[in-house]
Amino acid sequence: MSKRFRMSTALDIDDLLMECIPYAIRLANEKYKFDPPLTIHEVDRWGKLGTRADVIFEFFDDPEFFRTQPVIAGAREFVQKLSEMTEVFVSTSITPRFMGIRAQRILEEFPEIPPENIYMGARKDKINVDILFDDGMHNVFRSQAAYPILMRKPWNRKATGMLAVNTYDEFLKLVEVITKSYSASPERLLPGRAGMVVLVGPSGSEKNEIARRLLEVLPFERLKSYTTNPKAPEALYHIVSVDAYQKMCDRGELFESTMYASHGYGSRFSDVSDILARGNHVLTVMDICGAMALKTNFDNVITVYIKRNREALLRTILEEDIPIEEKVSRLISIEGERNNEEICDYSIAFDSVDEAVEKLLTILK
């Protein structure tokens, strides 16, 4: 991607700017009086599921549904802020007979988006923009945008190997970081105050071993995340039940939450605050989504991409004693890491863990 003064962003509409599935669920509960009520968590993938949740599709054939779709809270303000940062387009997939209704709603609700920037059709892979923001993981996978970004929803929780965010604020921070990566010098930890260092990189890059070695020579404190994976190392994670993890998400205790190989991973606000209150620097290992969430919610954060050659990555993953399904997920995610190096503040390539530690010490001292 060439460096340009003003980047371009294409936004989805359904469940990104306007309610679609949640609105259909509310209408279904009102019409059919489900007991217990139908919930959004029952729609865990896109398309008909062979369950009672399939009833929502009847509303997608009603023009009144598209005339009355509620705007998601904060969406108007989000588009206003994004318009100040990039040129904004719309890329929305909708049945041709409802395109006029959809165009009119966009013009009414989001006047910052000019009519000529509204594109309609299912082939989102054909739109030429720098950034695509969508809740459909199939659109993100196929996109030709330099930075395709997924908005996390229940129906895409199992998606791995792609940039993803949970909120508008996280997306805006990610856009800010992407823009800075083309024009600014790398950030450094601010002197005289506790800060945070995040190691980012693909599976098999030895991130955790590098972090362990760093903690032997630096006065940092490791942030332990939470996971539903019962086989995760207890030295690195608090292992919790799926129900406990969901409750932490629902109560807003986690500043970042992601799915990897069907397991939840997340980190708590209070754990970071406790380490900083003790006057210690935080060291953590996260995917790029967690790193951006950390930058969104805290300041004095730097990110370091751990770059290992592809052959070593593949060998490490293939030799691990893990289920074949997890190996496949990890192998797929390697390709999705291609943009993460550009987004991070620093990148280090290495042939040995000793070399990686030495390079990191140079950056952090």
Protein backbone atom coordinates (compact mmCIF):
# COMPACT_ATOMS: atom_id res chain seq x y z
CA MET A 1 0.00 0.00 0.00
CA SER A 2 1.41 3.37 -0.93
CA LYS A 3 1.77 6.00 1.76
CA ARG A 4 -0.94 8.59 1.30
CA PHE A 5 -1.98 11.59 3.31
CA ARG A 6 -5.57 10.42 3.66
CA MET A 7 -6.47 6.77 3.92
CA SER A 8 -9.82 5.27 2.88
CA THR A 9 -12.16 3.09 4.95
CA ALA A 10 -15.17 1.03 3.83
CA LEU A 11 -17.82 0.35 6.47
CA ASP A 12 -20.44 -2.36 6.57
CA ILE A 13 -23.96 -1.35 7.64
CA ASP A 14 -25.79 -4.35 9.16
CA ASP A 15 -24.66 -4.92 12.75
CA LEU A 16 -21.83 -2.44 12.32
CA LEU A 17 -23.76 0.83 12.05
CA MET A 18 -27.38 -0.36 12.20
CA GLU A 19 -28.88 -3.20 14.21
CA CYS A 20 -29.81 -6.23 12.15
CA ILE A 21 -29.69 -9.57 13.96
CA PRO A 22 -30.45 -8.10 17.44
CA TYR A 23 -33.37 -6.16 15.94
CA ALA A 24 -34.71 -9.28 14.20
CA ILE A 25 -34.43 -11.20 17.48
CA ARG A 26 -36.47 -8.55 19.31
CA LEU A 27 -39.14 -8.65 16.62
CA ALA A 28 -39.19 -12.46 16.73
CA ASN A 29 -39.62 -12.50 20.51
CA GLU A 30 -42.47 -9.98 20.26
CA LYS A 31 -44.24 -11.97 17.53
CA TYR A 32 -43.73 -15.54 18.74
CA LYS A 33 -43.45 -15.05 22.54
CA PHE A 34 -40.50 -17.46 22.85
CA ASP A 35 -40.03 -18.94 26.34
CA PRO A 36 -37.23 -18.58 27.17
CA PRO A 37 -36.70 -15.59 24.89
CA LEU A 38 -34.48 -16.01 21.85
CA THR A 39 -31.05 -14.46 22.50
CA ILE A 40 -28.26 -13.20 20.29
CA HIS A 41 -25.93 -15.90 21.63
CA GLU A 42 -28.04 -18.51 19.84
CA VAL A 43 -26.84 -17.05 16.54
CA ASP A 44 -23.30 -18.38 16.74
CA ARG A 45 -22.62 -18.40 13.00
CA TRP A 46 -24.11 -16.73 9.93
CA GLY A 47 -26.76 -18.50 7.87
CA LYS A 48 -29.61 -20.78 8.79
CA LEU A 49 -28.73 -22.98 11.76
CA GLY A 50 -31.54 -25.52 11.82
CA THR A 51 -32.70 -24.08 15.16
CA ARG A 52 -35.49 -21.81 16.36
CA ALA A 53 -33.18 -18.86 15.59
CA ASP A 54 -33.86 -19.35 11.87
CA VAL A 55 -37.13 -17.47 12.35
CA ILE A 56 -35.20 -14.18 12.11
CA PHE A 57 -34.75 -14.65 8.36
CA GLU A 58 -38.43 -13.93 7.69
CA PHE A 59 -37.85 -10.31 8.72
CA PHE A 60 -35.09 -9.89 6.13
CA ASP A 61 -37.75 -10.15 3.40
CA ASP A 62 -39.81 -7.26 4.77
CA PRO A 63 -39.11 -3.69 3.49
CA GLU A 64 -40.40 -2.27 6.76
CA PHE A 65 -37.55 -4.00 8.58
CA PHE A 66 -34.99 -1.99 6.62
CA ARG A 67 -36.93 1.26 6.99
CA THR A 68 -36.96 0.91 10.79
CA GLN A 69 -33.56 -0.61 11.61
CA PRO A 70 -32.25 1.21 14.70
CA VAL A 71 -28.90 2.97 14.48
CA ILE A 72 -26.46 1.34 16.90
CA ALA A 73 -25.63 3.49 19.93
CA GLY A 74 -22.54 5.58 19.22
CA ALA A 75 -22.53 4.83 15.47
CA ARG A 76 -23.19 8.41 14.36
CA GLU A 77 -20.41 9.76 16.57
CA PHE A 78 -18.12 6.99 15.35
CA VAL A 79 -18.66 7.89 11.69
CA GLN A 80 -18.09 11.57 12.48
CA LYS A 81 -14.74 10.82 14.16
CA LEU A 82 -13.65 8.39 11.46
CA SER A 83 -14.48 10.95 8.75
CA GLU A 84 -11.93 13.27 10.32
CA MET A 85 -9.28 10.54 10.08
CA THR A 86 -9.97 8.84 6.73
CA GLU A 87 -12.21 9.10 3.70
CA VAL A 88 -15.27 6.98 4.53
CA PHE A 89 -17.12 4.68 2.13
CA VAL A 90 -20.00 2.27 2.66
CA SER A 91 -19.88 -1.29 1.35
CA THR A 92 -23.18 -3.00 2.11
CA SER A 93 -24.72 -6.24 0.88
CA ILE A 94 -28.48 -6.03 0.48
CA THR A 95 -31.17 -7.47 -1.77
CA PRO A 96 -31.54 -5.23 -4.89
CA ARG A 97 -35.22 -4.45 -4.20
CA PHE A 98 -34.26 -2.89 -0.85
CA MET A 99 -31.27 -0.89 -2.09
CA GLY A 100 -33.25 2.34 -2.36
CA ILE A 101 -34.40 2.08 1.25
CA ARG A 102 -30.86 1.33 2.41
CA ALA A 103 -29.37 4.28 0.49
CA GLN A 104 -31.96 6.69 1.90
CA ARG A 105 -31.31 5.53 5.47
CA ILE A 106 -27.54 5.96 5.05
CA LEU A 107 -27.94 9.50 3.68
CA GLU A 108 -30.30 10.44 6.53
CA GLU A 109 -28.35 8.90 9.40
CA PHE A 110 -24.77 9.47 8.24
CA PRO A 111 -24.59 12.75 6.27
CA GLU A 112 -20.77 12.72 6.48
CA ILE A 113 -20.75 9.93 3.88
CA PRO A 114 -21.23 11.37 0.37
CA PRO A 115 -23.69 9.60 -1.95
CA GLU A 116 -20.91 8.72 -4.41
CA ASN A 117 -19.14 6.77 -1.64
CA ILE A 118 -22.00 4.30 -1.16
CA TYR A 119 -21.42 0.88 -2.74
CA MET A 120 -24.00 -1.91 -2.68
CA GLY A 121 -23.40 -5.54 -3.49
CA ALA A 122 -22.06 -8.79 -2.06
CA ARG A 123 -18.64 -8.62 -3.78
CA LYS A 124 -16.88 -6.60 -1.11
CA ASP A 125 -13.59 -8.10 -2.26
CA LYS A 126 -13.81 -5.81 -5.31
CA ILE A 127 -13.88 -2.50 -3.45
CA ASN A 128 -10.48 -0.76 -3.46
CA VAL A 129 -9.87 0.79 -0.03
CA ASP A 130 -7.11 0.78 2.57
CA ILE A 131 -9.30 -0.47 5.42
CA LEU A 132 -12.44 -2.63 5.45
CA PHE A 133 -14.51 -2.83 8.67
CA ASP A 134 -17.11 -5.61 8.70
CA ASP A 135 -18.74 -8.14 11.04
CA GLY A 136 -18.84 -10.84 8.33
CA MET A 137 -15.69 -12.91 8.62
CA HIS A 138 -16.15 -14.18 5.03
CA ASN A 139 -15.90 -10.56 3.84
CA VAL A 140 -12.79 -9.97 5.93
CA PHE A 141 -11.12 -13.17 4.70
CA ARG A 142 -11.75 -12.32 1.04
CA SER A 143 -11.05 -8.59 1.21
CA GLN A 144 -8.30 -7.06 -0.92
CA ALA A 145 -8.01 -4.12 1.47
CA ALA A 146 -4.59 -3.58 3.00
CA TYR A 147 -6.19 -3.83 6.46
CA PRO A 148 -9.42 -5.88 6.65
CA ILE A 149 -10.73 -5.64 10.22
CA LEU A 150 -13.45 -7.69 11.90
CA MET A 151 -15.99 -6.37 14.40
CA ARG A 152 -16.44 -9.14 16.95
CA LYS A 153 -19.96 -10.54 17.20
CA PRO A 154 -21.36 -13.86 18.52
CA TRP A 155 -21.60 -15.22 14.96
CA ASN A 156 -17.87 -14.70 14.29
CA ARG A 157 -16.33 -15.52 17.66
CA LYS A 158 -14.50 -18.53 16.26
CA ALA A 159 -12.68 -16.47 13.64
CA THR A 160 -8.90 -16.54 14.06
CA GLY A 161 -5.95 -15.16 12.17
CA MET A 162 -7.35 -11.68 11.42
CA LEU A 163 -7.40 -8.20 12.87
CA ALA A 164 -10.46 -7.84 15.08
CA VAL A 165 -11.88 -5.34 17.56
CA ASN A 166 -14.74 -5.31 20.04
CA THR A 167 -15.69 -1.61 20.04
CA TYR A 168 -15.68 1.54 17.93
CA ASP A 169 -13.00 3.03 20.18
CA GLU A 170 -10.71 0.06 19.57
CA PHE A 171 -11.19 0.46 15.82
CA LEU A 172 -10.40 4.19 15.94
CA LYS A 173 -7.26 3.45 17.95
CA LEU A 174 -6.25 0.84 15.38
CA VAL A 175 -6.75 3.35 12.55
CA GLU A 176 -4.66 5.84 14.49
CA VAL A 177 -1.88 3.29 14.97
CA ILE A 178 -1.99 2.27 11.28
CA THR A 179 -1.74 5.91 10.21
CA LYS A 180 1.16 6.59 12.56
CA SER A 181 3.01 3.51 11.33
CA TYR A 182 3.38 5.29 7.97
CA SER A 183 4.47 8.66 9.26
CA ALA A 184 5.86 8.60 12.81
CA SER A 185 8.87 7.32 14.69
CA PRO A 186 8.34 4.36 17.03
CA GLU A 187 7.05 5.18 20.50
CA ARG A 188 9.13 4.60 23.61
CA LEU A 189 8.10 4.09 27.22
CA LEU A 190 7.71 7.42 28.96
CA PRO A 191 10.38 7.89 31.66
CA GLY A 192 9.51 8.19 35.32
CA ARG A 193 6.26 6.21 35.25
CA ALA A 194 5.11 2.63 34.90
CA GLY A 195 4.26 1.50 31.39
CA MET A 196 3.41 -1.58 29.38
CA VAL A 197 5.25 -3.71 26.82
CA VAL A 198 3.25 -6.10 24.63
CA LEU A 199 4.89 -8.90 22.65
CA VAL A 200 2.92 -9.76 19.50
CA GLY A 201 3.57 -12.50 16.99
CA PRO A 202 2.29 -15.71 15.40
CA SER A 203 2.00 -19.05 17.17
CA GLY A 204 5.40 -20.70 17.34
CA SER A 205 7.37 -17.45 17.54
CA GLU A 206 8.64 -18.20 21.09
CA LYS A 207 6.90 -15.13 22.55
CA ASN A 208 6.31 -16.69 25.95
CA GLU A 209 9.86 -17.99 26.29
CA ILE A 210 11.23 -14.57 25.34
CA ALA A 211 8.93 -12.96 27.92
CA ARG A 212 10.12 -15.43 30.58
CA ARG A 213 13.74 -14.60 29.86
CA LEU A 214 13.06 -10.87 29.93
CA LEU A 215 11.50 -11.14 33.37
CA GLU A 216 14.78 -12.63 34.64
CA VAL A 217 16.69 -9.43 33.82
CA LEU A 218 14.11 -6.63 33.92
CA PRO A 219 11.98 -5.35 36.84
CA PHE A 220 8.74 -6.01 34.96
CA GLU A 221 5.65 -7.92 36.12
CA ARG A 222 3.88 -10.42 33.87
CA LEU A 223 0.17 -9.88 33.24
CA LYS A 224 -1.74 -13.17 33.43
CA SER A 225 -4.74 -13.42 31.15
CA TYR A 226 -7.87 -15.55 31.54
CA THR A 227 -8.83 -18.46 29.31
CA THR A 228 -11.40 -21.18 28.97
CA ASN A 229 -8.74 -23.52 27.56
CA PRO A 230 -8.25 -26.20 30.25
CA LYS A 231 -4.88 -27.18 28.77
CA ALA A 232 -3.36 -23.69 28.90
CA PRO A 233 -0.25 -23.36 31.12
CA GLU A 234 -1.31 -22.22 34.59
CA ALA A 235 1.89 -20.17 34.92
CA LEU A 236 0.60 -17.90 32.16
CA TYR A 237 -3.19 -18.02 32.48
CA HIS A 238 -6.02 -18.08 34.98
CA ILE A 239 -8.13 -20.99 33.74
CA VAL A 240 -11.86 -20.39 34.17
CA SER A 241 -15.08 -22.03 33.08
CA VAL A 242 -16.94 -20.85 29.99
CA ASP A 243 -19.72 -19.54 32.23
CA ALA A 244 -17.31 -17.58 34.45
CA TYR A 245 -15.59 -16.14 31.39
CA GLN A 246 -18.89 -15.04 29.87
CA LYS A 247 -19.87 -13.35 33.14
CA MET A 248 -16.60 -11.39 33.15
CA CYS A 249 -17.38 -10.27 29.59
CA ASP A 250 -20.97 -9.32 30.46
CA ARG A 251 -19.86 -7.32 33.53
CA GLY A 252 -17.30 -5.37 31.47
CA GLU A 253 -14.34 -6.63 33.51
CA LEU A 254 -12.25 -7.47 30.45
CA PHE A 255 -10.62 -4.76 28.35
CA GLU A 256 -9.88 -7.32 25.64
CA SER A 257 -11.48 -10.60 24.72
CA THR A 258 -10.81 -12.87 21.77
CA MET A 259 -11.37 -16.41 20.58
CA TYR A 260 -8.54 -18.68 19.52
CA ALA A 261 -9.08 -22.29 18.46
CA SER A 262 -12.60 -22.07 20.01
CA HIS A 263 -11.30 -20.97 23.43
CA GLY A 264 -11.83 -17.56 25.03
CA TYR A 265 -8.86 -15.43 26.05
CA GLY A 266 -9.10 -12.10 27.84
CA SER A 267 -7.48 -9.68 30.28
CA ARG A 268 -8.95 -7.70 33.16
CA PHE A 269 -8.76 -3.97 33.74
CA SER A 270 -8.16 -4.44 37.45
CA ASP A 271 -5.15 -6.73 36.96
CA VAL A 272 -3.35 -4.11 34.86
CA SER A 273 -4.27 -1.32 37.28
CA ASP A 274 -2.98 -3.33 40.24
CA ILE A 275 0.43 -3.86 38.61
CA LEU A 276 0.73 -0.19 37.66
CA ALA A 277 -0.33 0.85 41.18
CA ARG A 278 2.62 -1.15 42.52
CA GLY A 279 4.88 0.99 40.33
CA ASN A 280 5.88 -1.90 38.09
CA HIS A 281 6.08 -2.04 34.31
CA VAL A 282 3.70 -4.55 32.72
CA LEU A 283 4.97 -7.23 30.36
CA THR A 284 2.40 -9.25 28.45
CA VAL A 285 1.97 -11.47 25.40
CA MET A 286 -1.14 -10.82 23.29
CA ASP A 287 -2.46 -11.02 19.76
CA ILE A 288 -2.68 -7.75 17.87
CA CYS A 289 -6.33 -7.32 18.87
CA GLY A 290 -5.45 -7.43 22.56
CA ALA A 291 -2.55 -5.07 21.98
CA MET A 292 -4.83 -2.50 20.35
CA ALA A 293 -7.34 -2.87 23.20
CA LEU A 294 -4.51 -2.18 25.64
CA LYS A 295 -3.50 0.95 23.70
CA THR A 296 -7.15 2.03 23.64
CA ASN A 297 -7.67 1.74 27.38
CA PHE A 298 -4.23 2.68 28.74
CA ASP A 299 -1.41 5.00 27.80
CA ASN A 300 2.38 4.50 27.86
CA VAL A 301 2.11 1.24 25.88
CA ILE A 302 4.56 -0.04 23.27
CA THR A 303 4.13 -3.08 21.03
CA VAL A 304 6.91 -5.33 19.74
CA TYR A 305 6.41 -7.81 16.89
CA ILE A 306 8.34 -11.05 17.35
CA LYS A 307 9.39 -12.13 13.86
CA ARG A 308 10.55 -15.69 13.31
CA ASN A 309 11.19 -17.31 9.94
CA ARG A 310 8.28 -19.22 8.44
CA GLU A 311 9.99 -22.62 8.44
CA ALA A 312 10.72 -22.41 12.17
CA LEU A 313 7.12 -21.36 12.87
CA LEU A 314 5.70 -24.30 10.92
CA ARG A 315 8.08 -26.79 12.50
CA THR A 316 7.26 -25.61 16.03
CA ILE A 317 3.50 -25.81 15.47
CA LEU A 318 3.63 -29.21 13.79
CA GLU A 319 5.78 -30.69 16.56
CA GLU A 320 3.49 -29.52 19.38
CA ASP A 321 1.41 -32.11 21.21
CA ILE A 322 -1.97 -30.51 20.50
CA PRO A 323 -5.11 -31.63 18.60
CA ILE A 324 -4.96 -31.45 14.81
CA GLU A 325 -7.81 -28.89 14.79
CA GLU A 326 -5.74 -26.51 16.90
CA LYS A 327 -2.69 -27.03 14.69
CA VAL A 328 -4.80 -26.10 11.67
CA SER A 329 -6.05 -22.94 13.41
CA ARG A 330 -2.51 -21.92 14.29
CA LEU A 331 -1.21 -22.57 10.79
CA ILE A 332 -4.04 -20.55 9.27
CA SER A 333 -3.38 -17.66 11.66
CA ILE A 334 0.22 -17.28 10.41
CA GLU A 335 -1.03 -15.83 7.13
CA GLY A 336 -3.30 -13.44 9.00
CA GLU A 337 -0.31 -11.96 10.81
CA ARG A 338 1.03 -10.31 7.65
CA ASN A 339 -0.08 -6.77 8.58
CA ASN A 340 0.66 -6.96 12.29
CA GLU A 341 4.35 -6.25 11.93
CA GLU A 342 3.61 -2.90 10.28
CA ILE A 343 1.19 -1.93 13.04
CA CYS A 344 3.55 -2.65 15.95
CA ASP A 345 5.94 0.00 17.25
CA TYR A 346 8.95 -2.29 16.84
CA SER A 347 9.81 -5.52 15.07
CA ILE A 348 12.66 -7.88 15.92
CA ALA A 349 13.88 -10.77 13.78
CA PHE A 350 16.03 -13.40 15.46
CA ASP A 351 17.69 -16.78 15.09
CA SER A 352 17.78 -17.61 18.80
CA VAL A 353 15.93 -16.59 21.96
CA ASP A 354 19.18 -15.11 23.31
CA GLU A 355 19.38 -12.82 20.29
CA ALA A 356 15.74 -11.79 20.68
CA VAL A 357 16.25 -10.91 24.35
CA GLU A 358 19.34 -8.83 23.56
CA LYS A 359 17.47 -6.87 20.88
CA LEU A 360 14.54 -6.25 23.22
CA LEU A 361 16.83 -5.04 25.98
CA THR A 362 18.26 -2.49 23.55
CA ILE A 363 14.76 -1.20 22.83
CA LEU A 364 13.61 -1.12 26.45
CA LYS A 365 16.64 0.36 28.19
